[in-house]
Amino acid sequence: NPGEVPDPAGISCKECSPGFSAKFGAEECAPCAEGTIAPSTKTAFCEVCRQGYYASDDRATCIECQAGSQCSAGIKTHCADGELSSAGQANCKACDPGEVPDAAGIACEECSPGFSAEFGASECALCPEGTIAPSPKTTFCTVCPQGYYASGNHMQCLVCEAGSQCSTGIKTLCTTGSSDEG
């Protein structure tokens, strides 16, 4: 019978244990392949776990996928850097530009002003020297115009003061004999 194999003496049949299967006429019980289970005895064919679940190590039950992982075809893999998922998800997803996964890897959180994040980033990055991000959820920091420099917190462009020169958002002090314009 399906799910049964001959006992060692060949006199009677022995049921396959959970996690194993045997097609009709098989000589021995075979362990279920990765991502598949046999939840009961006398199983003829192992079954694939549904989306959002993965097969237990003993291949007897399907387990709900944990947050921060994706489970498809009964196999669990961890989300890549910059991606997240909640429990029971078949696929991980990247956060929108200007957002990054929270510490638990469950939800997206906005980058603060002065920081930016491109699509799929794993953490918010401080704007480089001479650039700003004046609002939260910024994708790319912008360079301050000629005659202005970026504030220390990278949140606004400030007018270049007399005795200084400002180019590409960076302020430098004028030296003797140089111009203090723009």
N, C-alpha and C. Protein backbone atom coordinates (compact mmCIF):
# COMPACT_ATOMS: atom_id res chain seq x y z
N ASN A 1 0.84 -1.19 0.00
CA ASN A 1 0.00 0.00 0.00
C ASN A 1 0.88 1.25 0.00
N PRO A 2 0.36 2.35 -0.55
CA PRO A 2 1.12 3.59 -0.49
C PRO A 2 1.35 4.00 0.97
N GLY A 3 2.56 4.53 1.26
CA GLY A 3 2.89 4.94 2.62
C GLY A 3 3.34 3.80 3.50
N GLU A 4 3.48 2.60 2.90
CA GLU A 4 3.94 1.43 3.63
C GLU A 4 5.04 0.75 2.84
N VAL A 5 5.92 0.06 3.57
CA VAL A 5 7.01 -0.70 2.94
C VAL A 5 7.08 -2.07 3.63
N PRO A 6 7.68 -3.06 2.95
CA PRO A 6 7.81 -4.38 3.59
C PRO A 6 8.69 -4.30 4.84
N ASP A 7 8.31 -5.05 5.89
CA ASP A 7 9.17 -5.09 7.07
C ASP A 7 10.43 -5.87 6.72
N PRO A 8 11.48 -5.82 7.58
CA PRO A 8 12.74 -6.49 7.25
C PRO A 8 12.59 -7.99 6.94
N ALA A 9 11.64 -8.64 7.56
CA ALA A 9 11.45 -10.08 7.32
C ALA A 9 10.65 -10.33 6.04
N GLY A 10 10.01 -9.26 5.51
CA GLY A 10 9.22 -9.40 4.29
C GLY A 10 7.89 -10.07 4.50
N ILE A 11 7.43 -10.14 5.75
CA ILE A 11 6.18 -10.83 6.05
C ILE A 11 4.99 -9.87 6.08
N SER A 12 5.19 -8.69 6.64
CA SER A 12 4.10 -7.72 6.74
C SER A 12 4.59 -6.34 6.28
N CYS A 13 3.68 -5.38 6.34
CA CYS A 13 4.04 -4.02 5.93
C CYS A 13 4.28 -3.14 7.15
N LYS A 14 5.18 -2.17 6.97
CA LYS A 14 5.51 -1.23 8.03
C LYS A 14 5.13 0.17 7.54
N GLU A 15 4.43 0.95 8.37
CA GLU A 15 4.02 2.30 8.00
C GLU A 15 5.21 3.25 8.02
N CYS A 16 5.24 4.17 7.07
CA CYS A 16 6.27 5.20 7.09
C CYS A 16 5.91 6.22 8.16
N SER A 17 6.91 6.71 8.88
CA SER A 17 6.71 7.71 9.94
C SER A 17 6.46 9.08 9.33
N PRO A 18 5.91 10.02 10.12
CA PRO A 18 5.79 11.39 9.63
C PRO A 18 7.17 11.90 9.18
N GLY A 19 7.19 12.67 8.10
CA GLY A 19 8.45 13.15 7.55
C GLY A 19 9.02 12.24 6.48
N PHE A 20 8.36 11.09 6.27
CA PHE A 20 8.80 10.11 5.26
C PHE A 20 7.61 9.71 4.41
N SER A 21 7.90 9.24 3.20
CA SER A 21 6.84 8.79 2.31
C SER A 21 7.31 7.56 1.54
N ALA A 22 6.32 6.86 0.96
CA ALA A 22 6.64 5.70 0.12
C ALA A 22 5.53 5.56 -0.92
N LYS A 23 5.92 5.57 -2.19
CA LYS A 23 4.96 5.34 -3.26
C LYS A 23 4.58 3.85 -3.24
N PHE A 24 3.53 3.51 -3.94
CA PHE A 24 3.08 2.11 -4.04
C PHE A 24 4.23 1.27 -4.60
N GLY A 25 4.57 0.19 -3.90
CA GLY A 25 5.62 -0.72 -4.36
C GLY A 25 7.02 -0.35 -3.91
N ALA A 26 7.18 0.71 -3.16
CA ALA A 26 8.51 1.12 -2.70
C ALA A 26 9.05 0.11 -1.70
N GLU A 27 10.37 -0.04 -1.69
CA GLU A 27 11.02 -0.98 -0.78
C GLU A 27 11.35 -0.34 0.57
N GLU A 28 11.52 1.01 0.60
CA GLU A 28 11.81 1.67 1.87
C GLU A 28 11.21 3.07 1.90
N CYS A 29 11.00 3.58 3.09
CA CYS A 29 10.46 4.93 3.27
C CYS A 29 11.55 5.94 2.92
N ALA A 30 11.18 6.98 2.20
CA ALA A 30 12.13 8.01 1.80
C ALA A 30 11.85 9.30 2.55
N PRO A 31 12.91 10.00 3.04
CA PRO A 31 12.67 11.27 3.73
C PRO A 31 12.13 12.30 2.75
N CYS A 32 11.27 13.16 3.23
CA CYS A 32 10.73 14.23 2.38
C CYS A 32 11.86 15.18 1.99
N ALA A 33 11.77 15.69 0.78
CA ALA A 33 12.77 16.64 0.29
C ALA A 33 12.62 17.99 0.99
N GLU A 34 13.63 18.84 0.88
CA GLU A 34 13.59 20.18 1.47
C GLU A 34 12.34 20.92 1.00
N GLY A 35 11.65 21.55 1.94
CA GLY A 35 10.45 22.32 1.61
C GLY A 35 9.17 21.50 1.57
N THR A 36 9.26 20.18 1.78
CA THR A 36 8.07 19.33 1.75
C THR A 36 7.90 18.61 3.08
N ILE A 37 6.67 18.16 3.34
CA ILE A 37 6.38 17.46 4.59
C ILE A 37 5.48 16.25 4.35
N ALA A 38 5.50 15.34 5.30
CA ALA A 38 4.55 14.23 5.41
C ALA A 38 4.03 14.32 6.84
N PRO A 39 2.87 14.94 7.05
CA PRO A 39 2.39 15.22 8.41
C PRO A 39 1.89 14.01 9.19
N SER A 40 1.66 12.90 8.51
CA SER A 40 1.13 11.72 9.23
C SER A 40 1.82 10.46 8.73
N THR A 41 1.50 9.35 9.37
CA THR A 41 2.04 8.07 8.92
C THR A 41 1.33 7.67 7.62
N LYS A 42 1.89 6.70 6.94
CA LYS A 42 1.31 6.15 5.70
C LYS A 42 1.11 7.20 4.61
N THR A 43 2.09 8.09 4.45
CA THR A 43 2.00 9.12 3.40
C THR A 43 2.66 8.60 2.13
N ALA A 44 1.92 8.71 1.03
CA ALA A 44 2.45 8.26 -0.26
C ALA A 44 3.33 9.34 -0.90
N PHE A 45 2.95 10.60 -0.79
CA PHE A 45 3.70 11.70 -1.42
C PHE A 45 3.85 12.85 -0.43
N CYS A 46 5.03 13.37 -0.33
CA CYS A 46 5.26 14.55 0.52
C CYS A 46 4.61 15.75 -0.16
N GLU A 47 4.15 16.70 0.65
CA GLU A 47 3.49 17.89 0.11
C GLU A 47 4.30 19.15 0.41
N VAL A 48 4.22 20.12 -0.49
CA VAL A 48 4.93 21.38 -0.32
C VAL A 48 4.16 22.26 0.65
N CYS A 49 4.89 22.94 1.54
CA CYS A 49 4.24 23.88 2.47
C CYS A 49 3.70 25.07 1.67
N ARG A 50 2.59 25.64 2.15
CA ARG A 50 2.01 26.79 1.45
C ARG A 50 2.90 28.02 1.62
N GLN A 51 2.66 29.02 0.78
CA GLN A 51 3.43 30.26 0.82
C GLN A 51 3.38 30.87 2.21
N GLY A 52 4.52 31.40 2.70
CA GLY A 52 4.58 31.99 4.03
C GLY A 52 4.90 30.99 5.12
N TYR A 53 5.12 29.72 4.76
CA TYR A 53 5.45 28.66 5.70
C TYR A 53 6.65 27.88 5.18
N TYR A 54 7.39 27.23 6.09
CA TYR A 54 8.53 26.40 5.69
C TYR A 54 8.46 25.05 6.42
N ALA A 55 9.14 24.06 5.87
CA ALA A 55 9.12 22.70 6.43
C ALA A 55 10.03 22.61 7.65
N SER A 56 9.54 21.96 8.70
CA SER A 56 10.34 21.74 9.91
C SER A 56 11.51 20.82 9.57
N ASP A 57 12.53 20.80 10.44
CA ASP A 57 13.70 19.95 10.20
C ASP A 57 13.34 18.48 10.08
N ASP A 58 12.31 18.05 10.83
CA ASP A 58 11.91 16.63 10.76
C ASP A 58 10.94 16.36 9.60
N ARG A 59 10.62 17.41 8.83
CA ARG A 59 9.74 17.33 7.65
C ARG A 59 8.35 16.80 7.98
N ALA A 60 7.90 17.05 9.24
CA ALA A 60 6.58 16.56 9.65
C ALA A 60 5.54 17.68 9.71
N THR A 61 5.96 18.94 9.83
CA THR A 61 5.02 20.05 9.93
C THR A 61 5.52 21.27 9.16
N CYS A 62 4.58 22.14 8.82
CA CYS A 62 4.92 23.43 8.22
C CYS A 62 4.87 24.47 9.33
N ILE A 63 5.86 25.36 9.35
CA ILE A 63 5.98 26.38 10.39
C ILE A 63 5.84 27.75 9.75
N GLU A 64 5.08 28.65 10.42
CA GLU A 64 4.91 30.00 9.89
C GLU A 64 6.26 30.72 9.83
N CYS A 65 6.49 31.40 8.74
CA CYS A 65 7.73 32.14 8.53
C CYS A 65 7.84 33.27 9.56
N GLN A 66 9.03 33.45 10.13
CA GLN A 66 9.25 34.52 11.10
C GLN A 66 9.51 35.84 10.40
N ALA A 67 9.27 36.94 11.13
CA ALA A 67 9.57 38.27 10.61
C ALA A 67 11.06 38.34 10.26
N GLY A 68 11.38 39.03 9.18
CA GLY A 68 12.77 39.15 8.74
C GLY A 68 13.20 38.02 7.82
N SER A 69 12.26 37.13 7.47
CA SER A 69 12.54 36.01 6.57
C SER A 69 11.44 35.93 5.53
N GLN A 70 11.72 35.19 4.46
CA GLN A 70 10.70 34.92 3.45
C GLN A 70 10.62 33.41 3.27
N CYS A 71 9.41 32.91 3.04
CA CYS A 71 9.20 31.47 2.92
C CYS A 71 8.38 31.20 1.66
N SER A 72 9.01 30.52 0.73
CA SER A 72 8.36 30.18 -0.53
C SER A 72 8.73 28.75 -0.88
N ALA A 73 7.79 28.00 -1.41
CA ALA A 73 7.99 26.59 -1.76
C ALA A 73 8.51 25.79 -0.57
N GLY A 74 8.09 26.19 0.65
CA GLY A 74 8.45 25.45 1.85
C GLY A 74 9.85 25.68 2.36
N ILE A 75 10.58 26.65 1.78
CA ILE A 75 11.96 26.91 2.16
C ILE A 75 12.07 28.32 2.72
N LYS A 76 12.77 28.46 3.85
CA LYS A 76 12.94 29.76 4.52
C LYS A 76 14.31 30.34 4.18
N THR A 77 14.34 31.62 3.81
CA THR A 77 15.59 32.36 3.63
C THR A 77 15.45 33.70 4.34
N HIS A 78 16.55 34.21 4.85
CA HIS A 78 16.54 35.51 5.53
C HIS A 78 16.48 36.62 4.50
N CYS A 79 15.84 37.71 4.87
CA CYS A 79 15.78 38.87 3.98
C CYS A 79 17.19 39.44 3.81
N ALA A 80 17.46 39.96 2.63
CA ALA A 80 18.75 40.59 2.36
C ALA A 80 18.82 41.92 3.09
N ASP A 81 20.03 42.46 3.24
CA ASP A 81 20.19 43.79 3.85
C ASP A 81 19.32 44.78 3.09
N GLY A 82 18.62 45.61 3.83
CA GLY A 82 17.76 46.62 3.22
C GLY A 82 16.36 46.13 2.90
N GLU A 83 16.07 44.86 3.20
CA GLU A 83 14.74 44.31 2.96
C GLU A 83 14.12 43.89 4.29
N LEU A 84 12.79 43.71 4.29
CA LEU A 84 12.09 43.32 5.50
C LEU A 84 10.88 42.49 5.16
N SER A 85 10.33 41.86 6.20
CA SER A 85 9.06 41.13 6.06
C SER A 85 8.47 40.96 7.45
N SER A 86 7.16 40.84 7.50
CA SER A 86 6.50 40.50 8.76
C SER A 86 6.28 38.98 8.76
N ALA A 87 5.82 38.45 9.86
CA ALA A 87 5.62 37.00 9.98
C ALA A 87 4.64 36.50 8.92
N GLY A 88 4.89 35.29 8.42
CA GLY A 88 3.98 34.65 7.47
C GLY A 88 4.09 35.16 6.05
N GLN A 89 5.17 35.85 5.71
CA GLN A 89 5.31 36.41 4.37
C GLN A 89 6.09 35.47 3.45
N ALA A 90 5.67 35.44 2.20
CA ALA A 90 6.35 34.63 1.19
C ALA A 90 7.55 35.37 0.59
N ASN A 91 7.51 36.70 0.62
CA ASN A 91 8.58 37.50 0.01
C ASN A 91 8.98 38.67 0.88
N CYS A 92 10.26 39.01 0.84
CA CYS A 92 10.77 40.20 1.50
C CYS A 92 10.54 41.38 0.56
N LYS A 93 10.54 42.59 1.11
CA LYS A 93 10.41 43.77 0.27
C LYS A 93 11.37 44.84 0.75
N ALA A 94 11.78 45.68 -0.18
CA ALA A 94 12.66 46.80 0.17
C ALA A 94 11.79 47.98 0.58
N CYS A 95 12.34 48.84 1.42
CA CYS A 95 11.63 50.05 1.81
C CYS A 95 11.68 51.05 0.66
N ASP A 96 10.77 52.02 0.70
CA ASP A 96 10.76 53.09 -0.29
C ASP A 96 12.02 53.94 -0.15
N PRO A 97 12.38 54.69 -1.20
CA PRO A 97 13.51 55.61 -1.07
C PRO A 97 13.26 56.57 0.10
N GLY A 98 14.31 56.86 0.85
CA GLY A 98 14.19 57.74 2.02
C GLY A 98 13.77 57.01 3.27
N GLU A 99 13.62 55.67 3.18
CA GLU A 99 13.25 54.84 4.32
C GLU A 99 14.19 53.65 4.42
N VAL A 100 14.31 53.11 5.62
CA VAL A 100 15.13 51.91 5.85
C VAL A 100 14.38 50.99 6.82
N PRO A 101 14.73 49.68 6.83
CA PRO A 101 14.08 48.77 7.77
C PRO A 101 14.39 49.16 9.22
N ASP A 102 13.42 48.98 10.11
CA ASP A 102 13.67 49.23 11.53
C ASP A 102 14.56 48.11 12.07
N ALA A 103 14.99 48.25 13.32
CA ALA A 103 15.92 47.29 13.92
C ALA A 103 15.38 45.86 13.91
N ALA A 104 14.06 45.71 14.03
CA ALA A 104 13.46 44.37 14.05
C ALA A 104 13.29 43.79 12.65
N GLY A 105 13.45 44.63 11.61
CA GLY A 105 13.28 44.16 10.24
C GLY A 105 11.83 43.90 9.87
N ILE A 106 10.90 44.60 10.55
CA ILE A 106 9.48 44.37 10.32
C ILE A 106 8.82 45.53 9.58
N ALA A 107 9.23 46.75 9.87
CA ALA A 107 8.59 47.93 9.27
C ALA A 107 9.65 48.90 8.76
N CYS A 108 9.24 49.81 7.90
CA CYS A 108 10.14 50.83 7.38
C CYS A 108 10.04 52.07 8.25
N GLU A 109 11.15 52.76 8.43
CA GLU A 109 11.14 54.02 9.14
C GLU A 109 11.83 55.08 8.29
N GLU A 110 11.32 56.31 8.38
CA GLU A 110 11.84 57.42 7.58
C GLU A 110 13.21 57.86 8.07
N CYS A 111 14.06 58.28 7.12
CA CYS A 111 15.32 58.90 7.49
C CYS A 111 15.03 60.31 8.00
N SER A 112 15.76 60.76 8.99
CA SER A 112 15.60 62.10 9.55
C SER A 112 16.18 63.14 8.60
N PRO A 113 15.78 64.41 8.75
CA PRO A 113 16.43 65.47 7.97
C PRO A 113 17.95 65.42 8.20
N GLY A 114 18.72 65.70 7.15
CA GLY A 114 20.17 65.62 7.23
C GLY A 114 20.71 64.27 6.82
N PHE A 115 19.79 63.31 6.57
CA PHE A 115 20.17 61.95 6.18
C PHE A 115 19.38 61.56 4.93
N SER A 116 19.90 60.58 4.19
CA SER A 116 19.20 60.10 2.99
C SER A 116 19.34 58.59 2.87
N ALA A 117 18.51 58.00 2.01
CA ALA A 117 18.58 56.56 1.73
C ALA A 117 18.01 56.31 0.34
N GLU A 118 18.78 55.65 -0.49
CA GLU A 118 18.28 55.25 -1.81
C GLU A 118 17.40 54.01 -1.63
N PHE A 119 16.69 53.62 -2.67
CA PHE A 119 15.83 52.44 -2.65
C PHE A 119 16.64 51.22 -2.23
N GLY A 120 16.15 50.48 -1.25
CA GLY A 120 16.80 49.25 -0.82
C GLY A 120 17.96 49.44 0.15
N ALA A 121 18.20 50.67 0.61
CA ALA A 121 19.29 50.92 1.56
C ALA A 121 18.99 50.24 2.89
N SER A 122 20.04 49.83 3.61
CA SER A 122 19.84 49.19 4.90
C SER A 122 19.96 50.17 6.06
N GLU A 123 20.53 51.34 5.81
CA GLU A 123 20.58 52.36 6.85
C GLU A 123 20.63 53.75 6.24
N CYS A 124 20.16 54.74 7.00
CA CYS A 124 20.18 56.13 6.56
C CYS A 124 21.63 56.62 6.59
N ALA A 125 22.01 57.39 5.58
CA ALA A 125 23.38 57.90 5.49
C ALA A 125 23.39 59.41 5.71
N LEU A 126 24.33 59.89 6.53
CA LEU A 126 24.49 61.32 6.74
C LEU A 126 24.87 61.95 5.41
N CYS A 127 24.26 63.08 5.09
CA CYS A 127 24.58 63.77 3.84
C CYS A 127 26.07 64.11 3.80
N PRO A 128 26.71 63.97 2.64
CA PRO A 128 28.12 64.32 2.52
C PRO A 128 28.34 65.83 2.69
N GLU A 129 29.56 66.21 2.95
CA GLU A 129 29.91 67.62 3.13
C GLU A 129 29.42 68.45 1.95
N GLY A 130 28.80 69.59 2.24
CA GLY A 130 28.32 70.50 1.21
C GLY A 130 26.93 70.19 0.70
N THR A 131 26.28 69.15 1.25
CA THR A 131 24.94 68.78 0.79
C THR A 131 23.96 68.80 1.95
N ILE A 132 22.67 68.86 1.61
CA ILE A 132 21.62 68.91 2.63
C ILE A 132 20.46 67.98 2.28
N ALA A 133 19.71 67.64 3.32
CA ALA A 133 18.42 66.95 3.20
C ALA A 133 17.50 67.69 4.17
N PRO A 134 16.77 68.71 3.69
CA PRO A 134 15.99 69.55 4.58
C PRO A 134 14.75 68.89 5.19
N SER A 135 14.30 67.80 4.62
CA SER A 135 13.09 67.17 5.13
C SER A 135 13.33 65.67 5.35
N PRO A 136 12.44 65.03 6.13
CA PRO A 136 12.60 63.58 6.30
C PRO A 136 12.31 62.85 4.99
N LYS A 137 12.71 61.58 4.95
CA LYS A 137 12.43 60.71 3.81
C LYS A 137 13.06 61.21 2.51
N THR A 138 14.31 61.67 2.60
CA THR A 138 15.04 62.17 1.42
C THR A 138 15.79 61.03 0.75
N THR A 139 15.69 60.99 -0.58
CA THR A 139 16.38 59.96 -1.35
C THR A 139 17.82 60.35 -1.63
N PHE A 140 18.02 61.58 -2.11
CA PHE A 140 19.36 62.07 -2.45
C PHE A 140 19.58 63.43 -1.79
N CYS A 141 20.74 63.63 -1.19
CA CYS A 141 21.09 64.93 -0.63
C CYS A 141 21.39 65.88 -1.79
N THR A 142 21.09 67.17 -1.61
CA THR A 142 21.32 68.15 -2.68
C THR A 142 22.46 69.09 -2.31
N VAL A 143 23.21 69.52 -3.32
CA VAL A 143 24.33 70.43 -3.12
C VAL A 143 23.79 71.85 -2.98
N CYS A 144 24.34 72.60 -2.04
CA CYS A 144 23.93 73.99 -1.86
C CYS A 144 24.40 74.81 -3.07
N PRO A 145 23.62 75.84 -3.45
CA PRO A 145 24.01 76.66 -4.61
C PRO A 145 25.25 77.52 -4.31
N GLN A 146 25.83 78.06 -5.38
CA GLN A 146 26.99 78.94 -5.26
C GLN A 146 26.65 80.08 -4.31
N GLY A 147 27.58 80.44 -3.40
CA GLY A 147 27.35 81.51 -2.44
C GLY A 147 26.70 81.03 -1.15
N TYR A 148 26.45 79.73 -1.03
CA TYR A 148 25.84 79.15 0.17
C TYR A 148 26.67 77.94 0.61
N TYR A 149 26.53 77.56 1.88
CA TYR A 149 27.20 76.37 2.40
C TYR A 149 26.21 75.57 3.26
N ALA A 150 26.49 74.30 3.40
CA ALA A 150 25.60 73.41 4.17
C ALA A 150 25.84 73.60 5.66
N SER A 151 24.73 73.66 6.42
CA SER A 151 24.83 73.76 7.88
C SER A 151 25.45 72.47 8.43
N GLY A 152 25.94 72.55 9.67
CA GLY A 152 26.58 71.39 10.30
C GLY A 152 25.67 70.18 10.43
N ASN A 153 24.35 70.43 10.53
CA ASN A 153 23.42 69.31 10.65
C ASN A 153 22.88 68.85 9.29
N HIS A 154 23.39 69.45 8.21
CA HIS A 154 23.04 69.08 6.83
C HIS A 154 21.55 69.24 6.55
N MET A 155 20.91 70.23 7.22
CA MET A 155 19.48 70.42 7.03
C MET A 155 19.14 71.69 6.25
N GLN A 156 20.08 72.62 6.10
CA GLN A 156 19.78 73.86 5.36
C GLN A 156 21.04 74.46 4.77
N CYS A 157 20.85 75.28 3.74
CA CYS A 157 21.95 76.02 3.13
C CYS A 157 21.98 77.40 3.77
N LEU A 158 23.15 77.85 4.16
CA LEU A 158 23.32 79.15 4.80
C LEU A 158 24.09 80.09 3.87
N VAL A 159 23.79 81.39 3.95
CA VAL A 159 24.47 82.39 3.12
C VAL A 159 25.92 82.49 3.56
N CYS A 160 26.80 82.55 2.59
CA CYS A 160 28.23 82.66 2.85
C CYS A 160 28.52 84.03 3.48
N GLU A 161 29.24 84.04 4.60
CA GLU A 161 29.55 85.29 5.29
C GLU A 161 30.73 86.00 4.65
N ALA A 162 30.82 87.31 4.91
CA ALA A 162 31.97 88.09 4.45
C ALA A 162 33.24 87.48 5.03
N GLY A 163 34.30 87.45 4.24
CA GLY A 163 35.55 86.86 4.69
C GLY A 163 35.64 85.38 4.39
N SER A 164 34.60 84.84 3.72
CA SER A 164 34.57 83.42 3.36
C SER A 164 34.20 83.30 1.89
N GLN A 165 34.50 82.17 1.34
CA GLN A 165 34.02 81.85 0.00
C GLN A 165 33.32 80.51 0.06
N CYS A 166 32.25 80.38 -0.71
CA CYS A 166 31.46 79.15 -0.67
C CYS A 166 31.27 78.61 -2.08
N SER A 167 31.68 77.37 -2.25
CA SER A 167 31.55 76.70 -3.54
C SER A 167 31.16 75.26 -3.28
N THR A 168 30.30 74.71 -4.08
CA THR A 168 29.76 73.35 -3.94
C THR A 168 29.32 73.05 -2.51
N GLY A 169 28.73 74.09 -1.86
CA GLY A 169 28.17 73.91 -0.53
C GLY A 169 29.17 73.89 0.60
N ILE A 170 30.44 74.16 0.30
CA ILE A 170 31.49 74.11 1.31
C ILE A 170 32.06 75.51 1.52
N LYS A 171 32.19 75.93 2.78
CA LYS A 171 32.70 77.25 3.12
C LYS A 171 34.18 77.15 3.47
N THR A 172 34.97 78.07 2.89
CA THR A 172 36.38 78.19 3.24
C THR A 172 36.66 79.64 3.55
N LEU A 173 37.56 79.89 4.49
CA LEU A 173 37.94 81.27 4.85
C LEU A 173 38.84 81.83 3.76
N CYS A 174 38.62 83.11 3.46
CA CYS A 174 39.45 83.77 2.46
C CYS A 174 40.84 84.01 3.05
N THR A 175 41.83 83.93 2.18
CA THR A 175 43.20 84.27 2.58
C THR A 175 43.50 85.67 2.11
N THR A 176 44.50 86.31 2.63
CA THR A 176 44.86 87.67 2.28
C THR A 176 45.02 87.77 0.76
N GLY A 177 44.33 88.76 0.20
CA GLY A 177 44.44 89.01 -1.24
C GLY A 177 43.41 88.26 -2.05
N SER A 178 42.56 87.46 -1.46
CA SER A 178 41.54 86.75 -2.26
C SER A 178 40.20 87.42 -2.06
N SER A 179 39.28 87.13 -2.95
CA SER A 179 37.95 87.75 -2.93
C SER A 179 37.07 87.06 -1.91
N ASP A 180 36.10 87.82 -1.37
CA ASP A 180 35.14 87.20 -0.46
C ASP A 180 33.77 87.11 -1.10
N GLU A 181 33.71 87.19 -2.41
CA GLU A 181 32.43 87.11 -3.10
C GLU A 181 32.14 85.66 -3.49
N GLY A 182 30.86 85.30 -3.33
CA GLY A 182 30.33 84.03 -3.79
C GLY A 182 31.16 82.89 -3.46
